[in-house]
Amino acid sequence: MRRAAFAIAAGAMAVSLAACGSAAESGDKKSDSGDSAAKGDNIKVGLLLPENQTARYEKLDKPLIEKKVKELTNNKGEVVYANAKQDASLQNQQVDTMVTNKVDVLIVDAVDSKAIAGSVKKAKDAGIPVVAYDRLAEGPIDAYTSFDNVTVGKTQGEALLEALGDKAESGQIVMMNGSSTDPNAAMFKEGAHSVLDGKVKIGREYDTKEWKPENANANMEGAISALGKDKIVGVYSANDGMAGGIITALKAAGLKNIPVTGQDAELAGVQRIVTGEQYMSVYKPYPQEANVAAEMAVALAQGKSLDSIAKDKVDSPTTKGIPSVIVPVVSLTKDNINDTVIKDGIYTVQEICTGKYKAACDKIGLK
């Protein structure tokens, strides 16, 4: 199942990118930033991440990007960081500040892909190229890297059906999608529905405001009240943070052995997978995504072509032919923790298997 999920992700990536453009075309798109060509290693990279509710941004994305920028610039490049804390207006202000402070390039993971468009244009008008990171922001974006987001949803849906087995025919599931302002959330939902529709009854479905676990918890409590405890057989959760809130609500209602999906391979999510409280997560190789973003940003800041980095193109609602790199994903269950997050150095066994998780870790051979 694990290898199959990876193969599906890679296949979907190839199909989606083939529709967007060929490798031969990717050299056509170059940065319009006029004065960046004169830059050497002494560059300033603005990094704007969307929120701190999801553990990955502060623990993984930020330090990984900082490390790669240093590596690519002989330790001379500087990363200027800001986190929008799920506030689109604040993020626009942060972009404006970085434009005023004359960073050489921006890496932006947008809180709201539409709301950021004006600020992206301001940066572009100031000669500052912009890399859209993880979410495809609107406006004149120069480059983009993310994961195959429709395949993320498909991978989650397939895992949930596998966990349900025959129960899929007799019960109902709850779908807890991400924030309606996040374009990725719509793609996760699309992928999940493509797998789940017609295979299982969806009793309740929510778009969860700001991806917050407490909002997912409240929604889940409402679903349990509306559907009844004995009717719910599984929960599609778009990420691990919300899965935590959902599982808290399930426990409070006395519900056990309800498979719950997730995404991001957060430490708490991996620990819940170890104990069986959460069925799966989607592991997205963040080191690969972060390294690509850093490579794109440094190249753009130095006025170099992206030909050797981005072999494909994607279209946003406002910009066509954006040089892009799409990274495949893996379905993470207790069966492949060793081969994914531990092998890639995301966590150590000691970090996962703390006191109360040790017995469960021993049981699944995680030592």
Protein backbone atom coordinates (compact mmCIF):
# COMPACT_ATOMS: atom_id res chain seq x y z
CA MET A 1 0.00 0.00 0.00
CA ARG A 2 2.79 2.39 0.88
CA ARG A 3 4.72 1.84 -2.33
CA ALA A 4 1.52 2.01 -4.30
CA ALA A 5 0.66 5.38 -2.78
CA PHE A 6 4.05 6.74 -3.77
CA ALA A 7 3.70 5.39 -7.28
CA ILE A 8 0.24 6.92 -7.63
CA ALA A 9 1.58 10.28 -6.43
CA ALA A 10 4.45 10.21 -8.90
CA GLY A 11 2.16 9.16 -11.74
CA ALA A 12 -0.38 11.87 -11.00
CA MET A 13 2.42 14.39 -10.82
CA ALA A 14 3.65 13.41 -14.26
CA VAL A 15 0.18 13.62 -15.80
CA SER A 16 -0.69 16.98 -14.24
CA LEU A 17 2.60 18.54 -15.22
CA ALA A 18 2.55 17.18 -18.75
CA ALA A 19 -0.66 19.13 -19.26
CA CYS A 20 1.00 22.33 -18.08
CA GLY A 21 4.03 22.40 -20.34
CA SER A 22 7.14 20.61 -21.46
CA ALA A 23 10.65 20.83 -20.11
CA ALA A 24 11.75 22.48 -23.32
CA GLU A 25 9.37 25.36 -22.66
CA SER A 26 10.51 26.02 -19.10
CA GLY A 27 13.43 28.16 -20.12
CA ASP A 28 11.13 30.77 -21.63
CA LYS A 29 10.12 32.15 -18.22
CA LYS A 30 12.76 34.37 -16.67
CA SER A 31 12.65 36.90 -13.89
CA ASP A 32 11.87 40.46 -14.88
CA SER A 33 13.73 41.83 -11.88
CA GLY A 34 16.05 44.41 -13.32
CA ASP A 35 18.79 44.85 -10.73
CA SER A 36 19.04 41.32 -9.34
CA ALA A 37 21.45 40.21 -12.09
CA ALA A 38 24.28 42.10 -10.43
CA LYS A 39 23.87 40.25 -7.13
CA GLY A 40 26.40 37.73 -5.90
CA ASP A 41 26.19 35.70 -2.71
CA ASN A 42 25.35 38.69 -0.50
CA ILE A 43 21.62 38.38 -0.99
CA LYS A 44 18.66 38.90 1.28
CA VAL A 45 15.81 36.38 1.01
CA GLY A 46 12.43 37.30 2.46
CA LEU A 47 10.60 34.24 3.80
CA LEU A 48 6.91 34.60 4.64
CA LEU A 49 5.12 31.60 6.14
CA PRO A 50 1.37 31.53 6.78
CA GLU A 51 0.79 30.32 10.32
CA ASN A 52 2.20 28.65 13.41
CA GLN A 53 -0.70 26.36 14.30
CA THR A 54 0.82 23.66 12.09
CA ALA A 55 4.12 22.53 13.59
CA ARG A 56 5.90 22.01 10.27
CA TYR A 57 6.48 25.68 9.45
CA GLU A 58 8.61 26.62 12.44
CA LYS A 59 10.21 23.19 13.00
CA LEU A 60 10.93 22.20 9.40
CA ASP A 61 10.31 24.68 6.58
CA LYS A 62 12.03 27.71 8.13
CA PRO A 63 15.26 26.04 9.28
CA LEU A 64 15.51 23.92 6.13
CA ILE A 65 15.22 26.96 3.85
CA GLU A 66 17.67 28.94 5.98
CA LYS A 67 20.20 26.12 5.84
CA LYS A 68 19.95 25.70 2.07
CA VAL A 69 20.24 29.44 1.39
CA LYS A 70 23.42 29.53 3.48
CA GLU A 71 24.77 26.52 1.63
CA LEU A 72 24.06 28.04 -1.79
CA THR A 73 25.61 31.42 -0.93
CA ASN A 74 28.80 30.40 0.86
CA ASN A 75 27.18 31.45 4.16
CA LYS A 76 26.72 35.01 2.90
CA GLY A 77 22.99 34.93 2.14
CA GLU A 78 20.52 36.15 4.77
CA VAL A 79 16.95 34.98 5.35
CA VAL A 80 14.55 37.58 6.76
CA TYR A 81 11.60 35.74 8.30
CA ALA A 82 8.00 36.63 9.11
CA ASN A 83 5.03 34.46 10.11
CA ALA A 84 1.53 35.78 9.39
CA LYS A 85 -0.20 33.73 12.11
CA GLN A 86 -3.10 33.00 9.74
CA ASP A 87 -3.78 36.70 9.15
CA ALA A 88 -3.92 37.65 5.45
CA SER A 89 -3.82 41.38 6.17
CA LEU A 90 -0.76 40.97 8.37
CA GLN A 91 0.96 38.98 5.63
CA ASN A 92 0.31 41.76 3.12
CA GLN A 93 1.91 44.20 5.57
CA GLN A 94 4.86 41.86 5.96
CA VAL A 95 5.38 41.77 2.19
CA ASP A 96 5.21 45.58 2.07
CA THR A 97 7.82 45.81 4.83
CA MET A 98 10.15 43.46 3.00
CA VAL A 99 9.72 45.43 -0.22
CA THR A 100 10.53 48.63 1.68
CA ASN A 101 13.59 46.95 3.18
CA LYS A 102 14.67 45.91 -0.30
CA VAL A 103 15.02 42.16 0.00
CA ASP A 104 16.35 40.58 -3.19
CA VAL A 105 13.71 37.86 -3.52
CA LEU A 106 10.62 36.63 -1.67
CA ILE A 107 9.48 33.12 -0.80
CA VAL A 108 5.77 33.36 0.06
CA ASP A 109 3.46 30.69 1.47
CA ALA A 110 0.20 32.61 1.24
CA VAL A 111 -2.45 32.71 3.96
CA ASP A 112 -4.97 33.64 1.27
CA SER A 113 -3.92 33.01 -2.32
CA LYS A 114 -6.17 35.75 -3.72
CA ALA A 115 -5.58 38.40 -1.06
CA ILE A 116 -1.81 38.24 -1.55
CA ALA A 117 -1.98 39.09 -5.28
CA GLY A 118 -1.69 42.86 -4.82
CA SER A 119 1.37 42.52 -2.61
CA VAL A 120 2.98 40.13 -5.08
CA LYS A 121 2.51 42.79 -7.76
CA LYS A 122 4.07 45.43 -5.49
CA ALA A 123 7.12 43.22 -5.06
CA LYS A 124 7.33 42.58 -8.78
CA ASP A 125 7.01 46.29 -9.56
CA ALA A 126 9.93 46.90 -7.17
CA GLY A 127 12.06 44.40 -9.08
CA ILE A 128 11.74 41.67 -6.43
CA PRO A 129 10.97 38.20 -7.85
CA VAL A 130 8.54 35.99 -5.91
CA VAL A 131 8.60 32.23 -5.33
CA ALA A 132 5.20 30.76 -4.36
CA TYR A 133 5.89 28.11 -1.74
CA ASP A 134 3.53 25.23 -0.92
CA ARG A 135 0.46 27.23 -2.03
CA LEU A 136 0.07 28.75 -5.48
CA ALA A 137 -0.42 32.44 -4.77
CA GLU A 138 -2.03 34.68 -7.35
CA GLY A 139 -0.28 37.63 -8.97
CA PRO A 140 2.90 37.73 -11.10
CA ILE A 141 4.66 34.76 -9.50
CA ASP A 142 8.11 33.84 -10.87
CA ALA A 143 8.35 30.24 -9.62
CA TYR A 144 6.40 27.67 -7.63
CA THR A 145 7.09 24.51 -5.68
CA SER A 146 4.65 22.32 -3.78
CA PHE A 147 3.30 18.82 -3.59
CA ASP A 148 0.72 17.13 -5.81
CA ASN A 149 -2.19 18.32 -3.74
CA VAL A 150 -4.99 16.44 -5.50
CA THR A 151 -2.99 13.27 -4.98
CA VAL A 152 -2.67 14.12 -1.27
CA GLY A 153 -6.47 13.98 -1.00
CA LYS A 154 -6.63 10.78 -3.06
CA THR A 155 -4.01 9.16 -0.84
CA GLN A 156 -5.98 10.11 2.27
CA GLY A 157 -9.25 8.85 0.80
CA GLU A 158 -7.74 5.54 -0.31
CA ALA A 159 -6.20 4.98 3.11
CA LEU A 160 -9.53 5.69 4.83
CA LEU A 161 -11.36 3.21 2.60
CA GLU A 162 -8.68 0.62 3.31
CA ALA A 163 -9.08 1.16 7.05
CA LEU A 164 -12.89 0.97 6.86
CA GLY A 165 -13.12 -2.21 4.82
CA ASP A 166 -16.68 -3.55 4.91
CA LYS A 167 -17.77 -0.80 7.31
CA ALA A 168 -17.69 1.66 4.40
CA GLU A 169 -20.96 0.16 3.18
CA SER A 170 -22.87 0.39 6.46
CA GLY A 171 -21.85 3.60 8.21
CA GLN A 172 -21.13 7.26 7.58
CA ILE A 173 -18.00 9.34 7.62
CA VAL A 174 -17.35 12.96 8.53
CA MET A 175 -15.21 15.08 6.21
CA MET A 176 -13.12 17.77 7.90
CA ASN A 177 -11.60 19.82 5.09
CA GLY A 178 -9.14 22.70 5.48
CA SER A 179 -9.69 26.43 5.30
CA SER A 180 -11.73 27.79 2.38
CA THR A 181 -9.09 30.52 1.88
CA ASP A 182 -6.35 27.96 1.18
CA PRO A 183 -6.24 26.82 -2.49
CA ASN A 184 -4.52 23.61 -1.41
CA ALA A 185 -7.50 22.71 0.79
CA ALA A 186 -9.75 22.74 -2.27
CA MET A 187 -7.38 20.37 -4.06
CA PHE A 188 -7.15 18.01 -1.08
CA LYS A 189 -10.95 17.97 -0.99
CA GLU A 190 -11.19 17.33 -4.72
CA GLY A 191 -8.81 14.38 -4.49
CA ALA A 192 -10.56 12.90 -1.47
CA HIS A 193 -14.01 13.19 -3.04
CA SER A 194 -12.77 11.52 -6.23
CA VAL A 195 -12.00 8.44 -4.14
CA LEU A 196 -14.71 8.51 -1.47
CA ASP A 197 -17.81 9.53 -3.45
CA GLY A 198 -19.98 6.51 -4.15
CA LYS A 199 -17.93 4.28 -1.85
CA VAL A 200 -19.05 5.63 1.52
CA LYS A 201 -21.81 7.90 2.77
CA ILE A 202 -20.61 11.35 3.85
CA GLY A 203 -22.81 12.25 6.83
CA ARG A 204 -21.35 15.70 7.51
CA GLU A 205 -18.72 17.84 5.78
CA TYR A 206 -17.01 21.01 6.98
CA ASP A 207 -14.56 23.59 5.67
CA THR A 208 -12.61 24.29 8.84
CA LYS A 209 -11.94 27.95 9.54
CA GLU A 210 -8.21 28.73 9.63
CA TRP A 211 -7.34 25.01 9.87
CA LYS A 212 -7.59 25.37 13.65
CA PRO A 213 -7.80 22.18 15.76
CA GLU A 214 -10.31 23.82 18.10
CA ASN A 215 -12.62 24.54 15.16
CA ALA A 216 -12.28 20.96 13.96
CA ASN A 217 -13.07 19.81 17.49
CA ALA A 218 -16.25 21.92 17.60
CA ASN A 219 -17.30 20.70 14.15
CA MET A 220 -16.73 17.10 15.17
CA GLU A 221 -18.81 17.54 18.30
CA GLY A 222 -21.60 18.90 16.11
CA ALA A 223 -21.31 15.96 13.71
CA ILE A 224 -21.49 13.43 16.55
CA SER A 225 -24.57 15.16 17.95
CA ALA A 226 -26.27 15.33 14.55
CA LEU A 227 -25.45 11.83 13.26
CA GLY A 228 -25.35 9.81 16.47
CA LYS A 229 -22.43 7.92 17.98
CA ASP A 230 -23.26 4.59 16.39
CA LYS A 231 -23.44 5.96 12.84
CA ILE A 232 -19.89 7.31 12.41
CA VAL A 233 -17.35 4.78 11.12
CA GLY A 234 -14.50 7.08 10.05
CA VAL A 235 -13.26 10.65 9.69
CA TYR A 236 -11.48 12.28 6.80
CA SER A 237 -9.24 14.95 8.33
CA ALA A 238 -7.23 17.09 5.93
CA ASN A 239 -4.28 17.49 8.32
CA ASP A 240 -2.79 16.29 11.58
CA GLY A 241 -3.55 19.38 13.62
CA MET A 242 -7.27 19.03 12.96
CA ALA A 243 -7.02 15.27 13.51
CA GLY A 244 -5.91 16.02 17.07
CA GLY A 245 -9.02 18.11 17.70
CA ILE A 246 -11.23 15.49 16.07
CA ILE A 247 -9.78 12.64 18.13
CA THR A 248 -10.31 14.64 21.32
CA ALA A 249 -14.01 14.98 20.42
CA LEU A 250 -14.27 11.27 19.58
CA LYS A 251 -12.73 10.32 22.92
CA ALA A 252 -15.04 12.66 24.81
CA ALA A 253 -17.99 10.94 23.17
CA GLY A 254 -16.65 7.51 24.11
CA LEU A 255 -15.92 6.54 20.50
CA LYS A 256 -12.96 4.23 19.88
CA ASN A 257 -11.34 2.55 16.88
CA ILE A 258 -12.56 5.23 14.46
CA PRO A 259 -9.97 5.63 11.68
CA VAL A 260 -8.90 9.24 11.21
CA THR A 261 -6.68 10.51 8.40
CA GLY A 262 -4.18 13.34 8.51
CA GLN A 263 -1.42 15.19 6.70
CA ASP A 264 1.97 16.76 7.44
CA ALA A 265 3.45 13.95 9.57
CA GLU A 266 3.53 16.21 12.63
CA LEU A 267 5.23 14.64 15.63
CA ALA A 268 1.96 14.48 17.57
CA GLY A 269 0.30 12.90 14.54
CA VAL A 270 3.03 10.28 14.19
CA GLN A 271 2.71 9.48 17.90
CA ARG A 272 -1.06 9.05 17.51
CA ILE A 273 -0.40 6.71 14.58
CA VAL A 274 1.95 4.69 16.80
CA THR A 275 -0.80 4.26 19.42
CA GLY A 276 -3.53 3.61 16.84
CA GLU A 277 -5.56 6.73 17.68
CA GLN A 278 -4.91 8.10 14.18
CA TYR A 279 -4.82 5.78 11.21
CA MET A 280 -2.52 7.64 8.82
CA SER A 281 -0.91 10.86 7.75
CA VAL A 282 0.48 12.07 4.45
CA TYR A 283 4.23 12.47 4.63
CA LYS A 284 5.42 15.27 2.38
CA PRO A 285 9.22 15.31 1.99
CA TYR A 286 9.75 18.83 3.29
CA PRO A 287 13.54 18.80 2.83
CA GLN A 288 13.06 18.37 -0.91
CA GLU A 289 10.40 21.10 -1.14
CA ALA A 290 12.41 23.52 1.02
CA ASN A 291 15.61 22.90 -0.92
CA VAL A 292 13.88 23.56 -4.23
CA ALA A 293 12.38 26.82 -2.92
CA ALA A 294 15.79 27.98 -1.72
CA GLU A 295 17.41 27.04 -5.03
CA MET A 296 14.75 28.96 -6.96
CA ALA A 297 15.02 31.99 -4.71
CA VAL A 298 18.82 32.21 -4.84
CA ALA A 299 18.84 31.77 -8.63
CA LEU A 300 16.22 34.48 -9.10
CA ALA A 301 17.97 36.86 -6.70
CA GLN A 302 21.19 36.38 -8.65
CA GLY A 303 19.47 36.90 -12.00
CA LYS A 304 20.04 33.32 -13.13
CA SER A 305 17.81 31.06 -15.22
CA LEU A 306 15.61 28.44 -13.55
CA ASP A 307 16.12 25.97 -16.41
CA SER A 308 18.20 23.52 -14.40
CA ILE A 309 15.83 23.62 -11.41
CA ALA A 310 12.27 23.80 -12.76
CA LYS A 311 11.58 21.44 -15.64
CA ASP A 312 7.82 21.99 -15.75
CA LYS A 313 5.18 24.70 -15.65
CA VAL A 314 1.86 25.36 -13.94
CA ASP A 315 -0.82 28.00 -14.43
CA SER A 316 -2.42 30.04 -11.68
CA PRO A 317 -5.70 31.94 -12.15
CA THR A 318 -3.64 35.06 -12.94
CA THR A 319 -0.32 33.86 -14.36
CA LYS A 320 0.47 31.29 -17.04
CA GLY A 321 3.55 29.14 -17.46
CA ILE A 322 5.05 29.46 -13.97
CA PRO A 323 8.28 27.39 -13.68
CA SER A 324 7.51 24.71 -11.12
CA VAL A 325 8.69 21.66 -9.24
CA ILE A 326 6.02 19.32 -7.84
CA VAL A 327 7.19 16.89 -5.16
CA PRO A 328 5.45 13.48 -4.71
CA VAL A 329 3.97 12.33 -1.38
CA VAL A 330 3.80 9.13 0.68
CA SER A 331 1.01 7.55 2.73
CA LEU A 332 2.37 7.22 6.27
CA THR A 333 1.06 4.52 8.62
CA LYS A 334 2.63 2.65 11.50
CA ASP A 335 4.05 0.22 8.94
CA ASN A 336 6.48 2.66 7.32
CA ILE A 337 7.50 5.19 9.99
CA ASN A 338 11.07 3.87 9.86
CA ASP A 339 11.26 4.24 6.09
CA THR A 340 9.93 7.79 5.96
CA VAL A 341 10.21 10.36 8.75
CA ILE A 342 13.01 8.54 10.58
CA LYS A 343 15.02 7.69 7.47
CA ASP A 344 14.74 11.29 6.22
CA GLY A 345 15.86 12.69 9.57
CA ILE A 346 12.60 14.48 10.34
CA TYR A 347 12.39 12.79 13.76
CA THR A 348 14.44 10.34 15.76
CA VAL A 349 13.01 7.23 17.40
CA GLN A 350 13.76 8.90 20.74
CA GLU A 351 11.64 11.93 19.82
CA ILE A 352 8.68 9.76 18.80
CA CYS A 353 8.93 7.08 21.47
CA THR A 354 8.87 9.16 24.63
CA GLY A 355 7.62 7.65 27.92
CA LYS A 356 3.93 7.06 27.30
CA TYR A 357 4.54 5.96 23.69
CA LYS A 358 7.38 3.52 24.38
CA ALA A 359 5.25 0.41 24.80
CA ALA A 360 3.32 1.15 21.60
CA CYS A 361 6.61 1.80 19.77
CA ASP A 362 8.00 -1.51 20.99
CA LYS A 363 4.87 -3.28 19.81
CA ILE A 364 5.31 -2.10 16.22
CA GLY A 365 9.08 -2.59 16.24
CA LEU A 366 10.05 1.07 16.46
CA LYS A 367 13.25 0.97 18.50
